[in-house]
N, C-alpha and C. Protein backbone atom coordinates (compact mmCIF):
# COMPACT_ATOMS: atom_id res chain seq x y z
N MET A 1 13.78 -5.70 -5.25
CA MET A 1 13.06 -5.45 -3.95
C MET A 1 11.77 -4.77 -4.19
N LYS A 2 10.80 -5.19 -3.45
CA LYS A 2 9.44 -4.63 -3.54
C LYS A 2 9.21 -3.64 -2.34
N ILE A 3 8.54 -2.57 -2.68
CA ILE A 3 8.18 -1.60 -1.62
C ILE A 3 6.70 -1.39 -1.76
N ALA A 4 6.04 -0.95 -0.68
CA ALA A 4 4.61 -0.60 -0.69
C ALA A 4 4.38 0.79 -0.37
N ILE A 5 3.49 1.43 -1.07
CA ILE A 5 3.15 2.89 -0.86
C ILE A 5 1.65 3.03 -0.85
N PRO A 6 1.07 3.63 0.19
CA PRO A 6 -0.34 4.02 0.13
C PRO A 6 -0.67 5.11 -0.84
N ALA A 7 -1.68 4.93 -1.62
CA ALA A 7 -2.00 5.93 -2.74
C ALA A 7 -3.42 6.15 -2.86
N THR A 8 -3.77 7.27 -3.58
CA THR A 8 -5.16 7.65 -3.81
C THR A 8 -5.73 6.94 -5.03
N GLY A 9 -4.89 6.37 -5.84
CA GLY A 9 -5.38 5.69 -7.07
C GLY A 9 -4.56 4.45 -7.38
N PRO A 10 -4.93 3.68 -8.36
CA PRO A 10 -4.35 2.31 -8.62
C PRO A 10 -3.11 2.36 -9.56
N ASP A 11 -2.49 3.54 -9.81
CA ASP A 11 -1.36 3.54 -10.68
C ASP A 11 -0.28 4.55 -10.10
N LEU A 12 0.83 4.58 -10.80
CA LEU A 12 1.97 5.37 -10.30
C LEU A 12 1.75 6.91 -10.45
N GLU A 13 0.69 7.30 -11.13
CA GLU A 13 0.35 8.68 -11.32
C GLU A 13 -0.46 9.19 -10.09
N ALA A 14 -0.82 8.34 -9.24
CA ALA A 14 -1.73 8.72 -8.12
C ALA A 14 -0.83 9.46 -7.02
N SER A 15 -1.57 10.17 -6.21
CA SER A 15 -0.89 10.88 -5.10
C SER A 15 -0.64 9.89 -3.95
N VAL A 16 0.37 10.14 -3.17
CA VAL A 16 0.70 9.29 -2.04
C VAL A 16 -0.17 9.78 -0.83
N GLU A 17 -0.78 8.72 -0.21
CA GLU A 17 -1.60 8.90 0.94
C GLU A 17 -0.71 9.09 2.21
N ASN A 18 -1.05 9.79 3.20
CA ASN A 18 -0.31 9.89 4.46
C ASN A 18 -0.39 8.67 5.32
N ARG A 19 -1.61 8.14 5.37
CA ARG A 19 -1.87 6.97 6.25
C ARG A 19 -2.01 5.68 5.55
N LEU A 20 -1.38 4.66 6.04
CA LEU A 20 -1.47 3.32 5.46
C LEU A 20 -2.81 2.69 5.56
N GLY A 21 -3.33 2.68 6.69
CA GLY A 21 -4.62 1.95 6.97
C GLY A 21 -5.81 2.51 6.29
N THR A 22 -5.80 3.82 5.91
CA THR A 22 -6.96 4.45 5.37
C THR A 22 -6.83 4.75 3.91
N ALA A 23 -5.74 4.31 3.34
CA ALA A 23 -5.48 4.57 1.87
C ALA A 23 -6.49 3.85 0.97
N ALA A 24 -6.86 4.49 -0.14
CA ALA A 24 -7.80 3.87 -1.01
C ALA A 24 -7.07 2.64 -1.71
N TYR A 25 -5.81 2.79 -1.98
CA TYR A 25 -5.05 1.72 -2.63
C TYR A 25 -3.71 1.54 -1.99
N LEU A 26 -3.14 0.36 -2.09
CA LEU A 26 -1.82 0.08 -1.68
C LEU A 26 -1.05 -0.42 -2.92
N LEU A 27 0.02 0.40 -3.25
CA LEU A 27 0.78 0.00 -4.42
C LEU A 27 2.03 -0.80 -4.03
N VAL A 28 2.23 -1.91 -4.54
CA VAL A 28 3.34 -2.83 -4.36
C VAL A 28 4.20 -2.61 -5.56
N ILE A 29 5.35 -2.00 -5.43
CA ILE A 29 6.22 -1.67 -6.55
C ILE A 29 7.52 -2.46 -6.52
N ASP A 30 7.82 -3.13 -7.61
CA ASP A 30 9.04 -3.85 -7.74
C ASP A 30 10.09 -2.82 -8.28
N ILE A 31 11.02 -2.39 -7.48
CA ILE A 31 11.86 -1.25 -7.94
C ILE A 31 12.97 -1.72 -8.97
N GLU A 32 13.20 -3.00 -8.99
CA GLU A 32 14.06 -3.55 -10.00
C GLU A 32 13.48 -3.72 -11.36
N GLU A 33 12.23 -4.17 -11.43
CA GLU A 33 11.50 -4.32 -12.71
C GLU A 33 10.66 -3.13 -13.09
N MET A 34 10.46 -2.21 -12.08
CA MET A 34 9.64 -1.06 -12.30
C MET A 34 8.21 -1.45 -12.67
N SER A 35 7.75 -2.58 -12.05
CA SER A 35 6.31 -2.99 -12.13
C SER A 35 5.60 -2.63 -10.86
N CYS A 36 4.32 -2.49 -11.11
CA CYS A 36 3.38 -2.14 -9.99
C CYS A 36 2.13 -2.91 -9.89
N GLU A 37 1.76 -3.38 -8.70
CA GLU A 37 0.58 -4.06 -8.42
C GLU A 37 -0.25 -3.24 -7.51
N ALA A 38 -1.50 -3.00 -7.92
CA ALA A 38 -2.38 -2.12 -7.05
C ALA A 38 -3.34 -3.03 -6.30
N LEU A 39 -3.45 -2.83 -5.00
CA LEU A 39 -4.37 -3.61 -4.16
C LEU A 39 -5.36 -2.60 -3.53
N PRO A 40 -6.62 -2.98 -3.49
CA PRO A 40 -7.53 -2.06 -2.78
C PRO A 40 -7.13 -1.96 -1.30
N GLY A 41 -7.24 -0.77 -0.77
CA GLY A 41 -6.87 -0.60 0.63
C GLY A 41 -7.93 -1.33 1.55
N PRO A 42 -7.50 -1.46 2.84
CA PRO A 42 -8.42 -2.15 3.74
C PRO A 42 -9.73 -1.30 3.88
N ALA A 43 -10.79 -2.04 4.11
CA ALA A 43 -12.04 -1.39 4.26
C ALA A 43 -12.06 -0.42 5.44
N SER A 44 -12.75 0.71 5.28
CA SER A 44 -12.80 1.68 6.34
C SER A 44 -13.45 1.11 7.63
N SER A 45 -14.22 0.02 7.40
CA SER A 45 -14.82 -0.66 8.55
C SER A 45 -13.89 -1.49 9.46
N ALA A 46 -12.66 -1.62 8.91
CA ALA A 46 -11.64 -2.35 9.65
C ALA A 46 -11.23 -1.68 10.98
N GLY A 47 -11.57 -0.41 11.09
CA GLY A 47 -11.23 0.38 12.28
C GLY A 47 -9.79 0.39 12.72
N PRO A 48 -9.48 0.24 13.91
CA PRO A 48 -8.15 0.36 14.40
C PRO A 48 -7.21 -0.73 13.82
N GLY A 49 -7.75 -1.83 13.32
CA GLY A 49 -6.95 -2.90 12.78
C GLY A 49 -6.57 -2.67 11.31
N ALA A 50 -6.98 -1.57 10.66
CA ALA A 50 -6.78 -1.38 9.28
C ALA A 50 -5.34 -1.31 8.95
N GLY A 51 -4.51 -0.68 9.76
CA GLY A 51 -3.02 -0.60 9.49
C GLY A 51 -2.42 -1.95 9.50
N ILE A 52 -2.73 -2.77 10.46
CA ILE A 52 -2.18 -4.18 10.51
C ILE A 52 -2.67 -4.96 9.29
N GLU A 53 -3.94 -4.80 8.92
CA GLU A 53 -4.46 -5.54 7.80
C GLU A 53 -3.63 -5.08 6.55
N ALA A 54 -3.37 -3.82 6.37
CA ALA A 54 -2.60 -3.30 5.21
C ALA A 54 -1.22 -3.86 5.23
N VAL A 55 -0.50 -3.93 6.32
CA VAL A 55 0.84 -4.49 6.35
C VAL A 55 0.82 -5.95 5.98
N THR A 56 -0.14 -6.66 6.52
CA THR A 56 -0.29 -8.08 6.18
C THR A 56 -0.44 -8.24 4.71
N MET A 57 -1.37 -7.47 4.09
CA MET A 57 -1.63 -7.53 2.60
C MET A 57 -0.34 -7.35 1.81
N VAL A 58 0.44 -6.32 2.14
CA VAL A 58 1.62 -6.02 1.21
C VAL A 58 2.76 -6.96 1.52
N THR A 59 2.89 -7.42 2.77
CA THR A 59 4.04 -8.32 3.00
C THR A 59 3.74 -9.72 2.33
N ARG A 60 2.49 -10.09 2.27
CA ARG A 60 2.14 -11.30 1.50
C ARG A 60 2.46 -11.25 0.03
N ARG A 61 2.47 -9.98 -0.44
CA ARG A 61 2.86 -9.77 -1.84
C ARG A 61 4.35 -9.62 -2.07
N GLY A 62 5.14 -9.65 -0.93
CA GLY A 62 6.59 -9.59 -1.03
C GLY A 62 7.23 -8.28 -0.76
N ALA A 63 6.48 -7.31 -0.31
CA ALA A 63 7.04 -6.04 0.09
C ALA A 63 8.02 -6.12 1.22
N LYS A 64 9.20 -5.57 1.13
CA LYS A 64 10.11 -5.56 2.19
C LYS A 64 10.22 -4.26 2.92
N ALA A 65 9.59 -3.21 2.39
CA ALA A 65 9.55 -1.88 3.01
C ALA A 65 8.20 -1.19 2.66
N ILE A 66 7.78 -0.33 3.63
CA ILE A 66 6.55 0.45 3.45
C ILE A 66 6.89 1.86 3.64
N LEU A 67 6.54 2.68 2.67
CA LEU A 67 6.75 4.17 2.75
C LEU A 67 5.45 4.83 3.06
N ALA A 68 5.24 5.46 4.24
CA ALA A 68 4.05 6.14 4.62
C ALA A 68 4.40 7.26 5.49
N GLY A 69 3.58 8.30 5.49
CA GLY A 69 3.74 9.49 6.40
C GLY A 69 3.55 9.15 7.83
N PHE A 70 2.58 8.32 8.20
CA PHE A 70 2.30 8.01 9.50
C PHE A 70 2.36 6.48 9.76
């Protein structure tokens, strides 16, 4: 299963961001293989639609769950 986590950096050592739409990176982690794919977060210019854009990005990569503070 793949999960998505908003993060401050492109690897598993990065801190978790609270907000999905404004995160610098979105990590898509395959928890069975322990592999990680880093995607650049939505542009800050995406405005109110940034969260929806982020959800679309990670679900296209196969994420079944998203872990975020907000």
